[in-house]
């Protein structure tokens, strides 16, 4: 029974992480610019945020979910502003000439930036709550072992997607010239900017 919950969590974590959004674009760009570990740490930041939201949904922490929903205006505002800043910084950044030896502080920043972007998206908790209910997983809130196994599966599923993405992009990294990288930075920056502006615009609809 525990394996069943682990497998469901694995599929759930992979499926929620897989759609390409601002985090995916950022992860691809980081991998191309700085290498696989930069992209991987970026993905792990998102995976940890997904795991936190899975904990809230699996353990029935409704007071935290309600708090996040009530504060979604400020979460979207902060996340939107950060995405706009990140998008502009990506757009205007010059191609990196270093191909290896990423400083550890950069990896920590990669992790924190994607964690922050994911955790400030209140729609993620809605997705987890909806999927948990749809899969009949909301009835395990009193079973801490099953809930823990499920959360572990979600984290590993999400991490598996980011590992797959960063390793896949790494295969093409050496074929990308500095000129192409400059345009990748610009396109990635525009996409992240668009997501940030979209997040800020959504504030008008709340």
Protein backbone atom coordinates (compact mmCIF):
# COMPACT_ATOMS: atom_id res chain seq x y z
CA UNK A 1 0.00 0.00 0.00
CA UNK A 2 2.85 2.40 0.82
CA UNK A 3 4.48 1.65 -2.53
CA UNK A 4 1.19 2.54 -4.24
CA UNK A 5 1.17 5.95 -2.58
CA UNK A 6 4.87 6.44 -3.36
CA UNK A 7 4.26 5.65 -7.03
CA UNK A 8 1.26 8.02 -7.19
CA UNK A 9 3.37 10.74 -5.59
CA UNK A 10 6.20 10.08 -8.05
CA UNK A 11 3.87 10.46 -11.04
CA UNK A 12 2.18 13.50 -9.49
CA UNK A 13 5.47 15.28 -8.78
CA UNK A 14 6.79 14.58 -12.27
CA UNK A 15 3.55 15.70 -13.93
CA UNK A 16 3.26 18.98 -12.01
CA UNK A 17 6.91 19.87 -12.66
CA UNK A 18 6.96 18.92 -16.35
CA UNK A 19 4.89 21.71 -17.98
CA UNK A 20 7.33 24.33 -19.26
CA UNK A 21 6.80 27.61 -17.41
CA UNK A 22 9.16 30.29 -16.09
CA UNK A 23 10.98 27.75 -13.90
CA UNK A 24 11.57 25.43 -16.86
CA UNK A 25 12.82 28.29 -19.03
CA UNK A 26 15.11 29.43 -16.22
CA UNK A 27 16.44 25.92 -15.69
CA UNK A 28 17.19 25.48 -19.41
CA UNK A 29 18.93 28.85 -19.61
CA UNK A 30 20.98 28.20 -16.44
CA UNK A 31 22.09 24.80 -17.75
CA UNK A 32 23.18 26.27 -21.08
CA UNK A 33 24.96 29.21 -19.49
CA UNK A 34 26.60 27.59 -16.45
CA UNK A 35 26.32 23.81 -16.75
CA UNK A 36 24.26 20.90 -15.50
CA UNK A 37 24.70 21.58 -11.78
CA UNK A 38 23.35 25.11 -12.11
CA UNK A 39 20.26 23.81 -13.90
CA UNK A 40 19.93 20.93 -11.45
CA UNK A 41 20.09 23.16 -8.37
CA UNK A 42 17.53 25.46 -9.99
CA UNK A 43 15.23 22.47 -10.46
CA UNK A 44 15.79 21.19 -6.93
CA UNK A 45 14.66 24.56 -5.58
CA UNK A 46 11.34 24.09 -7.36
CA UNK A 47 11.15 20.45 -6.21
CA UNK A 48 11.55 21.48 -2.55
CA UNK A 49 8.78 24.07 -2.92
CA UNK A 50 6.55 21.42 -4.53
CA UNK A 51 7.27 19.12 -1.58
CA UNK A 52 6.23 21.82 0.89
CA UNK A 53 2.92 22.31 -0.92
CA UNK A 54 2.48 18.52 -1.03
CA UNK A 55 2.99 18.40 2.75
CA UNK A 56 0.27 21.02 3.21
CA UNK A 57 -2.14 19.05 1.01
CA UNK A 58 -1.24 15.56 2.29
CA UNK A 59 -1.29 16.37 6.01
CA UNK A 60 -4.48 18.40 5.77
CA UNK A 61 -2.92 21.64 6.96
CA UNK A 62 -5.94 23.65 5.89
CA UNK A 63 -5.07 26.65 8.07
CA UNK A 64 -1.81 27.09 6.13
CA UNK A 65 -3.59 26.59 2.80
CA UNK A 66 -6.20 29.19 3.80
CA UNK A 67 -3.47 31.58 4.93
CA UNK A 68 -1.72 31.24 1.57
CA UNK A 69 -4.94 31.81 -0.34
CA UNK A 70 -5.85 34.84 1.75
CA UNK A 71 -2.40 36.27 1.15
CA UNK A 72 -2.29 35.42 -2.55
CA UNK A 73 -2.39 39.10 -3.57
CA UNK A 74 0.93 39.80 -1.84
CA UNK A 75 2.42 36.48 -2.94
CA UNK A 76 1.57 37.18 -6.58
CA UNK A 77 2.79 40.76 -6.28
CA UNK A 78 6.16 39.74 -4.82
CA UNK A 79 6.52 36.79 -7.22
CA UNK A 80 5.52 38.93 -10.21
CA UNK A 81 7.98 41.70 -9.38
CA UNK A 82 10.74 39.15 -8.85
CA UNK A 83 9.99 37.50 -12.21
CA UNK A 84 10.08 40.87 -13.98
CA UNK A 85 13.45 41.61 -12.35
CA UNK A 86 14.74 38.13 -13.20
CA UNK A 87 13.47 38.40 -16.77
CA UNK A 88 15.20 41.74 -17.34
CA UNK A 89 18.41 40.47 -15.74
CA UNK A 90 18.34 37.38 -17.99
CA UNK A 91 17.56 39.45 -21.10
CA UNK A 92 20.44 41.86 -20.53
CA UNK A 93 23.04 39.34 -19.34
CA UNK A 94 26.06 38.67 -21.54
CA UNK A 95 26.93 35.09 -22.55
CA UNK A 96 29.05 33.41 -19.90
CA UNK A 97 32.47 32.33 -21.08
CA UNK A 98 32.99 29.90 -18.21
CA UNK A 99 32.08 26.32 -19.02
CA UNK A 100 32.76 24.73 -15.64
CA UNK A 101 33.55 25.27 -11.98
CA UNK A 102 30.42 27.15 -10.98
CA UNK A 103 30.97 28.90 -7.62
CA UNK A 104 29.02 27.26 -4.81
CA UNK A 105 27.35 30.58 -3.97
CA UNK A 106 25.90 30.64 -7.49
CA UNK A 107 24.40 27.19 -6.99
CA UNK A 108 22.81 28.34 -3.73
CA UNK A 109 21.38 31.39 -5.51
CA UNK A 110 20.04 29.12 -8.27
CA UNK A 111 18.27 27.02 -5.65
CA UNK A 112 16.85 29.98 -3.72
CA UNK A 113 15.60 31.86 -6.77
CA UNK A 114 13.51 28.96 -8.13
CA UNK A 115 12.33 27.97 -4.66
CA UNK A 116 11.13 31.54 -4.11
CA UNK A 117 9.40 31.71 -7.51
CA UNK A 118 7.57 28.42 -6.90
CA UNK A 119 6.59 29.05 -3.28
CA UNK A 120 5.11 32.48 -4.14
CA UNK A 121 2.68 30.91 -6.62
CA UNK A 122 -0.50 30.19 -4.60
CA UNK A 123 -2.02 28.36 -7.56
CA UNK A 124 0.37 25.48 -6.87
CA UNK A 125 -1.40 24.61 -3.62
CA UNK A 126 -4.74 24.66 -5.46
CA UNK A 127 -3.30 22.23 -8.01
CA UNK A 128 -2.13 19.84 -5.29
CA UNK A 129 -5.41 20.01 -3.37
CA UNK A 130 -7.42 19.41 -6.54
CA UNK A 131 -5.27 16.51 -7.73
CA UNK A 132 -5.18 14.93 -4.27
CA UNK A 133 -8.97 15.04 -4.13
CA UNK A 134 -9.32 13.73 -7.68
CA UNK A 135 -7.03 10.76 -6.97
CA UNK A 136 -8.74 10.01 -3.67
CA UNK A 137 -5.65 10.95 -1.69
CA UNK A 138 -7.36 13.41 0.61
CA UNK A 139 -8.50 10.58 2.92
CA UNK A 140 -4.94 9.86 4.15
CA UNK A 141 -4.64 13.05 6.18
CA UNK A 142 -4.73 11.08 9.43
CA UNK A 143 -2.16 8.52 8.28
CA UNK A 144 1.19 10.21 8.69
CA UNK A 145 3.21 7.31 7.28
CA UNK A 146 1.22 7.17 4.04
CA UNK A 147 1.24 10.96 3.79
CA UNK A 148 5.03 11.04 4.28
CA UNK A 149 5.53 8.37 1.62
CA UNK A 150 3.33 10.35 -0.77
CA UNK A 151 5.27 13.58 -0.15
CA UNK A 152 8.58 11.75 -0.69
CA UNK A 153 7.23 10.47 -4.01
CA UNK A 154 6.19 13.99 -5.04
CA UNK A 155 9.64 15.40 -4.25
CA UNK A 156 11.50 12.61 -6.07
CA UNK A 157 9.13 12.81 -9.06
CA UNK A 158 9.68 16.55 -9.36
CA UNK A 159 13.45 16.15 -8.87
CA UNK A 160 13.48 13.41 -11.53
CA UNK A 161 11.98 15.80 -14.07
CA UNK A 162 14.57 18.50 -13.34
CA UNK A 163 17.38 15.95 -13.52
CA UNK A 164 16.06 14.71 -16.88
CA UNK A 165 15.72 18.26 -18.21
CA UNK A 166 19.16 19.46 -17.10
CA UNK A 167 20.90 16.33 -18.39
CA UNK A 168 19.04 16.56 -21.70
CA UNK A 169 19.98 20.21 -22.20
CA UNK A 170 23.59 19.46 -21.24
CA UNK A 171 23.90 17.21 -24.31
CA UNK A 172 23.47 20.26 -26.56
CA UNK A 173 25.39 22.75 -24.44
CA UNK A 174 28.77 22.46 -26.16
CA UNK A 175 27.14 23.05 -29.55
CA UNK A 176 25.76 26.44 -28.49
CA UNK A 177 27.91 29.37 -29.59
CA UNK A 178 28.19 32.65 -27.67
CA UNK A 179 26.07 34.40 -30.31
CA UNK A 180 23.33 31.78 -29.99
CA UNK A 181 23.59 31.99 -26.21
CA UNK A 182 23.05 35.74 -26.40
CA UNK A 183 19.76 35.17 -28.24
CA UNK A 184 18.79 32.40 -25.82
CA UNK A 185 19.27 34.88 -22.97
CA UNK A 186 17.06 37.40 -24.75
CA UNK A 187 14.29 34.93 -25.57
CA UNK A 188 14.38 33.43 -22.05
CA UNK A 189 14.32 36.92 -20.56
CA UNK A 190 11.28 37.92 -22.64
CA UNK A 191 9.43 34.73 -21.64
CA UNK A 192 10.15 35.20 -17.93
CA UNK A 193 9.21 38.89 -18.23
CA UNK A 194 5.92 37.87 -19.86
CA UNK A 195 5.13 35.48 -17.00
CA UNK A 196 5.97 38.20 -14.47
CA UNK A 197 3.76 40.77 -16.21
CA UNK A 198 1.00 38.15 -16.45
CA UNK A 199 1.27 37.50 -12.71
CA UNK A 200 1.02 41.23 -11.99
CA UNK A 201 -1.91 41.63 -14.37
CA UNK A 202 -3.74 38.77 -12.63
CA UNK A 203 -3.80 40.94 -9.51
CA UNK A 204 -6.47 43.05 -11.23
CA UNK A 205 -8.71 39.97 -11.43
CA UNK A 206 -8.55 39.05 -7.74
